[in-house]
Amino acid sequence: MPNGHHPNSRKALARYKKDFVKGVGGNPSGRPKRHPISDALRNLADLKYYPKSAKLKHGATYAEAAAFQAFLDAIRGDVKALNEVADRIEGKPSQRIELSGVDDAPPIQINSVDISKLSKDELLAYRAILAKAARRDD
């Protein structure tokens, strides 16, 4: 192979450099988020239930079949299936965690915070509070 004619040589790759702009990705939104079972559960949850005519439609996907079966199990009293359906549709309930303090100190409380609902100013204030708390621990 003569010098500069290899497909991966600098000279050959230089032709493609202009096609790529620094800092711009080819897929800015990323891979689409798919949740077929959760989506099927949500769709089923919105349907009216008629016990004698509850059947899976012809040509249903495996996700729809799994969701349908989970709903039937939940309706029949399977608590695990009911919890799974509820968690998929509504999300897991937030849990409060308590850690006991040393000796008679009050317990430490950790609550989850959904920062996606905070404004930019609130996020900056929250960050400052966390930084101040971290400095106290040192």
N, C-alpha and C. Protein backbone atom coordinates (compact mmCIF):
# COMPACT_ATOMS: atom_id res chain seq x y z
N MET A 1 0.83 -1.18 0.00
CA MET A 1 0.00 0.00 0.00
C MET A 1 0.88 1.25 0.00
N PRO A 2 0.78 2.10 -0.99
CA PRO A 2 1.59 3.31 -1.02
C PRO A 2 1.27 4.22 0.17
N ASN A 3 2.23 5.02 0.53
CA ASN A 3 2.09 5.93 1.67
C ASN A 3 0.89 6.87 1.48
N GLY A 4 0.01 6.95 2.49
CA GLY A 4 -1.13 7.86 2.44
C GLY A 4 -2.37 7.28 1.77
N HIS A 5 -2.31 6.01 1.32
CA HIS A 5 -3.47 5.43 0.65
C HIS A 5 -4.24 4.45 1.53
N HIS A 6 -3.76 4.22 2.71
CA HIS A 6 -4.50 3.33 3.63
C HIS A 6 -5.79 4.04 4.05
N PRO A 7 -6.90 3.31 4.15
CA PRO A 7 -8.18 3.97 4.48
C PRO A 7 -8.18 4.66 5.85
N ASN A 8 -7.30 4.24 6.75
CA ASN A 8 -7.24 4.87 8.06
C ASN A 8 -6.06 5.84 8.21
N SER A 9 -5.42 6.20 7.12
CA SER A 9 -4.30 7.13 7.20
C SER A 9 -4.82 8.52 7.53
N ARG A 10 -3.95 9.38 8.03
CA ARG A 10 -4.35 10.75 8.38
C ARG A 10 -4.91 11.49 7.18
N LYS A 11 -4.27 11.27 6.04
CA LYS A 11 -4.70 11.95 4.82
C LYS A 11 -6.12 11.53 4.43
N ALA A 12 -6.40 10.21 4.54
CA ALA A 12 -7.73 9.72 4.19
C ALA A 12 -8.77 10.19 5.20
N LEU A 13 -8.41 10.20 6.48
CA LEU A 13 -9.38 10.60 7.51
C LEU A 13 -9.61 12.11 7.54
N ALA A 14 -8.66 12.89 7.02
CA ALA A 14 -8.80 14.35 7.01
C ALA A 14 -10.01 14.78 6.19
N ARG A 15 -10.37 13.99 5.19
CA ARG A 15 -11.55 14.32 4.37
C ARG A 15 -12.83 14.33 5.20
N TYR A 16 -12.88 13.50 6.24
CA TYR A 16 -14.10 13.38 7.04
C TYR A 16 -14.14 14.35 8.21
N LYS A 17 -13.04 14.97 8.51
CA LYS A 17 -12.96 15.85 9.67
C LYS A 17 -13.95 17.00 9.55
N LYS A 18 -14.17 17.52 8.37
CA LYS A 18 -15.07 18.66 8.19
C LYS A 18 -16.53 18.28 8.44
N ASP A 19 -16.85 16.97 8.39
CA ASP A 19 -18.22 16.52 8.61
C ASP A 19 -18.61 16.59 10.08
N PHE A 20 -17.64 16.61 10.98
CA PHE A 20 -17.92 16.57 12.40
C PHE A 20 -17.61 17.91 13.04
N VAL A 21 -18.59 18.48 13.71
CA VAL A 21 -18.41 19.75 14.40
C VAL A 21 -18.14 19.44 15.87
N LYS A 22 -17.11 20.03 16.43
CA LYS A 22 -16.71 19.78 17.80
C LYS A 22 -17.83 20.20 18.75
N GLY A 23 -18.16 19.31 19.68
CA GLY A 23 -19.18 19.61 20.69
C GLY A 23 -20.61 19.34 20.26
N VAL A 24 -20.80 18.90 19.04
CA VAL A 24 -22.15 18.60 18.55
C VAL A 24 -22.24 17.09 18.32
N GLY A 25 -23.14 16.46 19.05
CA GLY A 25 -23.30 15.02 18.93
C GLY A 25 -24.21 14.66 17.77
N GLY A 26 -24.08 13.46 17.29
CA GLY A 26 -24.92 13.00 16.20
C GLY A 26 -26.31 12.61 16.66
N ASN A 27 -26.48 12.42 17.96
CA ASN A 27 -27.77 12.02 18.49
C ASN A 27 -28.01 12.78 19.80
N PRO A 28 -28.35 14.07 19.72
CA PRO A 28 -28.42 14.89 20.92
C PRO A 28 -29.45 14.43 21.94
N SER A 29 -30.53 13.82 21.50
CA SER A 29 -31.56 13.37 22.45
C SER A 29 -31.22 12.01 23.03
N GLY A 30 -30.23 11.36 22.48
CA GLY A 30 -29.86 10.03 22.96
C GLY A 30 -30.81 8.98 22.45
N ARG A 31 -30.59 7.79 22.91
CA ARG A 31 -31.46 6.68 22.50
C ARG A 31 -32.85 6.91 23.08
N PRO A 32 -33.89 6.70 22.28
CA PRO A 32 -35.24 6.93 22.81
C PRO A 32 -35.53 6.00 23.97
N LYS A 33 -36.16 6.53 24.99
CA LYS A 33 -36.50 5.74 26.17
C LYS A 33 -37.74 4.92 25.87
N ARG A 34 -37.60 3.62 25.91
CA ARG A 34 -38.73 2.73 25.67
C ARG A 34 -39.03 1.95 26.93
N HIS A 35 -40.27 1.90 27.29
CA HIS A 35 -40.73 1.13 28.44
C HIS A 35 -41.99 0.39 28.01
N PRO A 36 -41.85 -0.64 27.15
CA PRO A 36 -43.03 -1.27 26.57
C PRO A 36 -43.98 -1.88 27.60
N ILE A 37 -43.46 -2.52 28.65
CA ILE A 37 -44.35 -3.14 29.63
C ILE A 37 -45.05 -2.06 30.45
N SER A 38 -44.30 -1.06 30.89
CA SER A 38 -44.93 0.03 31.66
C SER A 38 -45.97 0.75 30.81
N ASP A 39 -45.66 0.98 29.53
CA ASP A 39 -46.63 1.64 28.65
C ASP A 39 -47.87 0.79 28.47
N ALA A 40 -47.69 -0.53 28.31
CA ALA A 40 -48.84 -1.42 28.16
C ALA A 40 -49.67 -1.45 29.45
N LEU A 41 -49.00 -1.43 30.60
CA LEU A 41 -49.74 -1.39 31.87
C LEU A 41 -50.56 -0.12 31.99
N ARG A 42 -49.96 1.01 31.61
CA ARG A 42 -50.70 2.28 31.67
C ARG A 42 -51.92 2.25 30.75
N ASN A 43 -51.73 1.71 29.54
CA ASN A 43 -52.85 1.62 28.61
C ASN A 43 -53.96 0.73 29.15
N LEU A 44 -53.59 -0.41 29.73
CA LEU A 44 -54.59 -1.30 30.31
C LEU A 44 -55.30 -0.66 31.50
N ALA A 45 -54.56 0.10 32.28
CA ALA A 45 -55.14 0.73 33.47
C ALA A 45 -56.25 1.71 33.10
N ASP A 46 -56.19 2.28 31.91
CA ASP A 46 -57.19 3.25 31.49
C ASP A 46 -58.44 2.61 30.88
N LEU A 47 -58.40 1.30 30.62
CA LEU A 47 -59.54 0.62 30.01
C LEU A 47 -60.57 0.24 31.07
N LYS A 48 -61.84 0.17 30.67
CA LYS A 48 -62.88 -0.32 31.56
C LYS A 48 -62.76 -1.84 31.62
N TYR A 49 -62.98 -2.39 32.79
CA TYR A 49 -62.83 -3.83 32.99
C TYR A 49 -64.20 -4.51 32.97
N TYR A 50 -64.34 -5.48 32.10
CA TYR A 50 -65.54 -6.31 32.03
C TYR A 50 -65.09 -7.75 32.26
N PRO A 51 -65.32 -8.30 33.46
CA PRO A 51 -64.75 -9.60 33.83
C PRO A 51 -64.98 -10.72 32.83
N LYS A 52 -66.15 -10.83 32.26
CA LYS A 52 -66.45 -11.97 31.38
C LYS A 52 -65.84 -11.80 30.00
N SER A 53 -65.54 -10.57 29.61
CA SER A 53 -65.01 -10.36 28.26
C SER A 53 -63.56 -9.90 28.27
N ALA A 54 -62.88 -10.10 29.39
CA ALA A 54 -61.48 -9.67 29.48
C ALA A 54 -60.60 -10.63 28.69
N LYS A 55 -60.23 -10.23 27.49
CA LYS A 55 -59.39 -11.05 26.64
C LYS A 55 -58.31 -10.18 26.01
N LEU A 56 -57.22 -10.81 25.68
CA LEU A 56 -56.12 -10.12 25.02
C LEU A 56 -56.45 -10.02 23.54
N LYS A 57 -56.22 -8.86 22.95
CA LYS A 57 -56.53 -8.69 21.53
C LYS A 57 -55.60 -9.54 20.67
N HIS A 58 -56.11 -9.96 19.53
CA HIS A 58 -55.34 -10.77 18.60
C HIS A 58 -54.17 -9.94 18.05
N GLY A 59 -52.99 -10.52 18.02
CA GLY A 59 -51.83 -9.82 17.51
C GLY A 59 -51.16 -8.93 18.54
N ALA A 60 -51.46 -9.14 19.83
CA ALA A 60 -50.85 -8.33 20.88
C ALA A 60 -49.36 -8.62 20.98
N THR A 61 -48.61 -7.65 21.44
CA THR A 61 -47.17 -7.83 21.63
C THR A 61 -46.92 -8.63 22.91
N TYR A 62 -45.70 -9.12 23.08
CA TYR A 62 -45.36 -9.83 24.31
C TYR A 62 -45.48 -8.91 25.52
N ALA A 63 -45.13 -7.65 25.35
CA ALA A 63 -45.25 -6.69 26.46
C ALA A 63 -46.71 -6.54 26.85
N GLU A 64 -47.60 -6.45 25.87
CA GLU A 64 -49.03 -6.33 26.17
C GLU A 64 -49.54 -7.61 26.84
N ALA A 65 -49.06 -8.76 26.39
CA ALA A 65 -49.47 -10.03 27.00
C ALA A 65 -49.00 -10.11 28.44
N ALA A 66 -47.75 -9.70 28.69
CA ALA A 66 -47.22 -9.73 30.06
C ALA A 66 -47.99 -8.76 30.95
N ALA A 67 -48.28 -7.59 30.43
CA ALA A 67 -49.03 -6.59 31.20
C ALA A 67 -50.44 -7.10 31.49
N PHE A 68 -51.07 -7.70 30.51
CA PHE A 68 -52.42 -8.24 30.66
C PHE A 68 -52.43 -9.31 31.76
N GLN A 69 -51.44 -10.21 31.71
CA GLN A 69 -51.37 -11.27 32.71
C GLN A 69 -51.12 -10.70 34.10
N ALA A 70 -50.27 -9.68 34.20
CA ALA A 70 -50.01 -9.05 35.49
C ALA A 70 -51.29 -8.44 36.05
N PHE A 71 -52.08 -7.79 35.19
CA PHE A 71 -53.36 -7.23 35.63
C PHE A 71 -54.30 -8.32 36.10
N LEU A 72 -54.40 -9.42 35.35
CA LEU A 72 -55.29 -10.51 35.75
C LEU A 72 -54.86 -11.09 37.10
N ASP A 73 -53.55 -11.28 37.27
CA ASP A 73 -53.05 -11.80 38.55
C ASP A 73 -53.37 -10.84 39.69
N ALA A 74 -53.20 -9.54 39.44
CA ALA A 74 -53.50 -8.53 40.47
C ALA A 74 -54.99 -8.54 40.82
N ILE A 75 -55.84 -8.66 39.81
CA ILE A 75 -57.29 -8.68 40.04
C ILE A 75 -57.69 -9.92 40.82
N ARG A 76 -56.99 -11.03 40.58
CA ARG A 76 -57.31 -12.28 41.28
C ARG A 76 -56.76 -12.31 42.71
N GLY A 77 -56.06 -11.27 43.11
CA GLY A 77 -55.61 -11.17 44.50
C GLY A 77 -54.14 -11.40 44.74
N ASP A 78 -53.34 -11.52 43.70
CA ASP A 78 -51.90 -11.70 43.87
C ASP A 78 -51.29 -10.35 44.27
N VAL A 79 -50.89 -10.25 45.53
CA VAL A 79 -50.39 -8.98 46.06
C VAL A 79 -49.08 -8.56 45.38
N LYS A 80 -48.21 -9.51 45.07
CA LYS A 80 -46.96 -9.17 44.37
C LYS A 80 -47.26 -8.56 43.00
N ALA A 81 -48.22 -9.17 42.29
CA ALA A 81 -48.58 -8.64 40.97
C ALA A 81 -49.19 -7.24 41.12
N LEU A 82 -50.02 -7.05 42.12
CA LEU A 82 -50.62 -5.73 42.36
C LEU A 82 -49.55 -4.69 42.64
N ASN A 83 -48.58 -5.05 43.49
CA ASN A 83 -47.49 -4.11 43.80
C ASN A 83 -46.67 -3.79 42.56
N GLU A 84 -46.40 -4.80 41.73
CA GLU A 84 -45.61 -4.59 40.50
C GLU A 84 -46.36 -3.65 39.55
N VAL A 85 -47.66 -3.90 39.37
CA VAL A 85 -48.46 -3.05 38.49
C VAL A 85 -48.47 -1.62 39.01
N ALA A 86 -48.72 -1.46 40.31
CA ALA A 86 -48.77 -0.12 40.90
C ALA A 86 -47.43 0.59 40.78
N ASP A 87 -46.33 -0.13 41.04
CA ASP A 87 -45.00 0.47 40.95
C ASP A 87 -44.67 0.90 39.52
N ARG A 88 -45.08 0.10 38.55
CA ARG A 88 -44.81 0.44 37.14
C ARG A 88 -45.63 1.63 36.67
N ILE A 89 -46.87 1.73 37.15
CA ILE A 89 -47.75 2.81 36.70
C ILE A 89 -47.50 4.10 37.46
N GLU A 90 -47.45 3.99 38.77
CA GLU A 90 -47.37 5.20 39.61
C GLU A 90 -45.96 5.48 40.12
N GLY A 91 -45.06 4.55 39.95
CA GLY A 91 -43.71 4.70 40.49
C GLY A 91 -43.67 4.21 41.92
N LYS A 92 -42.50 3.82 42.36
CA LYS A 92 -42.36 3.34 43.73
C LYS A 92 -42.59 4.49 44.69
N PRO A 93 -43.28 4.23 45.80
CA PRO A 93 -43.48 5.30 46.78
C PRO A 93 -42.14 5.69 47.41
N SER A 94 -41.98 6.98 47.67
CA SER A 94 -40.72 7.42 48.29
C SER A 94 -40.68 6.91 49.72
N GLN A 95 -39.48 6.57 50.16
CA GLN A 95 -39.31 6.02 51.49
C GLN A 95 -38.50 6.97 52.34
N ARG A 96 -38.89 7.06 53.56
CA ARG A 96 -38.17 7.90 54.51
C ARG A 96 -37.19 7.01 55.25
N ILE A 97 -35.96 7.46 55.37
CA ILE A 97 -34.92 6.68 56.03
C ILE A 97 -34.52 7.41 57.30
N GLU A 98 -34.50 6.69 58.41
CA GLU A 98 -34.05 7.29 59.66
C GLU A 98 -32.81 6.56 60.14
N LEU A 99 -31.81 7.33 60.50
CA LEU A 99 -30.60 6.78 61.10
C LEU A 99 -30.56 7.28 62.53
N SER A 100 -30.30 6.39 63.46
CA SER A 100 -30.28 6.83 64.85
C SER A 100 -29.01 7.62 65.12
N GLY A 101 -29.15 8.61 65.98
CA GLY A 101 -28.00 9.43 66.35
C GLY A 101 -27.16 8.74 67.40
N VAL A 102 -26.01 9.30 67.69
CA VAL A 102 -25.13 8.74 68.70
C VAL A 102 -25.72 9.03 70.08
N ASP A 103 -25.73 8.01 70.94
CA ASP A 103 -26.28 8.11 72.29
C ASP A 103 -27.71 8.66 72.25
N ASP A 104 -27.93 9.83 72.87
CA ASP A 104 -29.29 10.39 72.93
C ASP A 104 -29.52 11.49 71.90
N ALA A 105 -28.64 11.59 70.92
CA ALA A 105 -28.80 12.62 69.89
C ALA A 105 -30.04 12.31 69.05
N PRO A 106 -30.70 13.35 68.54
CA PRO A 106 -31.89 13.09 67.72
C PRO A 106 -31.50 12.34 66.44
N PRO A 107 -32.43 11.55 65.90
CA PRO A 107 -32.10 10.78 64.70
C PRO A 107 -31.89 11.68 63.49
N ILE A 108 -31.07 11.21 62.58
CA ILE A 108 -30.82 11.91 61.33
C ILE A 108 -31.94 11.54 60.37
N GLN A 109 -32.50 12.52 59.68
CA GLN A 109 -33.57 12.24 58.73
C GLN A 109 -33.10 12.57 57.32
N ILE A 110 -33.34 11.66 56.42
CA ILE A 110 -32.99 11.86 55.02
C ILE A 110 -34.27 11.72 54.22
N ASN A 111 -34.66 12.79 53.55
CA ASN A 111 -35.85 12.75 52.71
C ASN A 111 -35.41 12.95 51.26
N SER A 112 -36.08 12.26 50.36
CA SER A 112 -35.73 12.43 48.95
C SER A 112 -36.23 13.78 48.45
N VAL A 113 -35.46 14.38 47.56
CA VAL A 113 -35.80 15.69 47.01
C VAL A 113 -35.83 15.57 45.49
N ASP A 114 -36.93 16.01 44.88
CA ASP A 114 -37.03 16.00 43.42
C ASP A 114 -36.54 17.36 42.92
N ILE A 115 -35.25 17.42 42.54
CA ILE A 115 -34.66 18.70 42.15
C ILE A 115 -35.09 19.15 40.76
N SER A 116 -35.76 18.28 40.00
CA SER A 116 -36.19 18.67 38.66
C SER A 116 -37.25 19.76 38.68
N LYS A 117 -37.89 19.94 39.85
CA LYS A 117 -38.95 20.95 39.95
C LYS A 117 -38.45 22.28 40.51
N LEU A 118 -37.15 22.36 40.78
CA LEU A 118 -36.59 23.58 41.34
C LEU A 118 -36.13 24.52 40.23
N SER A 119 -36.23 25.81 40.51
CA SER A 119 -35.73 26.81 39.56
C SER A 119 -34.21 26.88 39.66
N LYS A 120 -33.60 27.62 38.75
CA LYS A 120 -32.14 27.74 38.76
C LYS A 120 -31.66 28.39 40.07
N ASP A 121 -32.36 29.44 40.52
CA ASP A 121 -31.99 30.10 41.77
C ASP A 121 -32.13 29.15 42.96
N GLU A 122 -33.21 28.36 42.97
CA GLU A 122 -33.42 27.41 44.06
C GLU A 122 -32.34 26.32 44.06
N LEU A 123 -31.94 25.90 42.84
CA LEU A 123 -30.88 24.90 42.75
C LEU A 123 -29.56 25.44 43.29
N LEU A 124 -29.26 26.70 42.97
CA LEU A 124 -28.03 27.31 43.48
C LEU A 124 -28.07 27.42 45.00
N ALA A 125 -29.22 27.80 45.55
CA ALA A 125 -29.36 27.90 47.00
C ALA A 125 -29.22 26.52 47.64
N TYR A 126 -29.83 25.52 47.03
CA TYR A 126 -29.76 24.14 47.53
C TYR A 126 -28.31 23.65 47.53
N ARG A 127 -27.60 23.96 46.45
CA ARG A 127 -26.19 23.57 46.35
C ARG A 127 -25.35 24.24 47.44
N ALA A 128 -25.66 25.51 47.71
CA ALA A 128 -24.92 26.24 48.75
C ALA A 128 -25.19 25.62 50.13
N ILE A 129 -26.43 25.23 50.37
CA ILE A 129 -26.78 24.60 51.66
C ILE A 129 -26.03 23.28 51.82
N LEU A 130 -26.00 22.49 50.76
CA LEU A 130 -25.30 21.20 50.82
C LEU A 130 -23.80 21.40 51.04
N ALA A 131 -23.22 22.41 50.40
CA ALA A 131 -21.79 22.69 50.56
C ALA A 131 -21.51 23.13 51.99
N LYS A 132 -22.39 23.95 52.56
CA LYS A 132 -22.21 24.41 53.94
C LYS A 132 -22.31 23.23 54.90
N ALA A 133 -23.26 22.34 54.66
CA ALA A 133 -23.41 21.17 55.53
C ALA A 133 -22.20 20.26 55.42
N ALA A 134 -21.61 20.13 54.24
CA ALA A 134 -20.44 19.29 54.04
C ALA A 134 -19.23 19.88 54.78
N ARG A 135 -19.12 21.22 54.80
CA ARG A 135 -18.00 21.86 55.52
C ARG A 135 -18.12 21.64 57.01
N ARG A 136 -19.34 21.59 57.54
CA ARG A 136 -19.54 21.37 58.99
C ARG A 136 -19.09 19.98 59.41
N ASP A 137 -19.23 19.01 58.51
CA ASP A 137 -18.86 17.63 58.83
C ASP A 137 -17.35 17.45 58.90
N ASP A 138 -16.59 18.32 58.25
CA ASP A 138 -15.12 18.15 58.20
C ASP A 138 -14.45 18.59 59.47
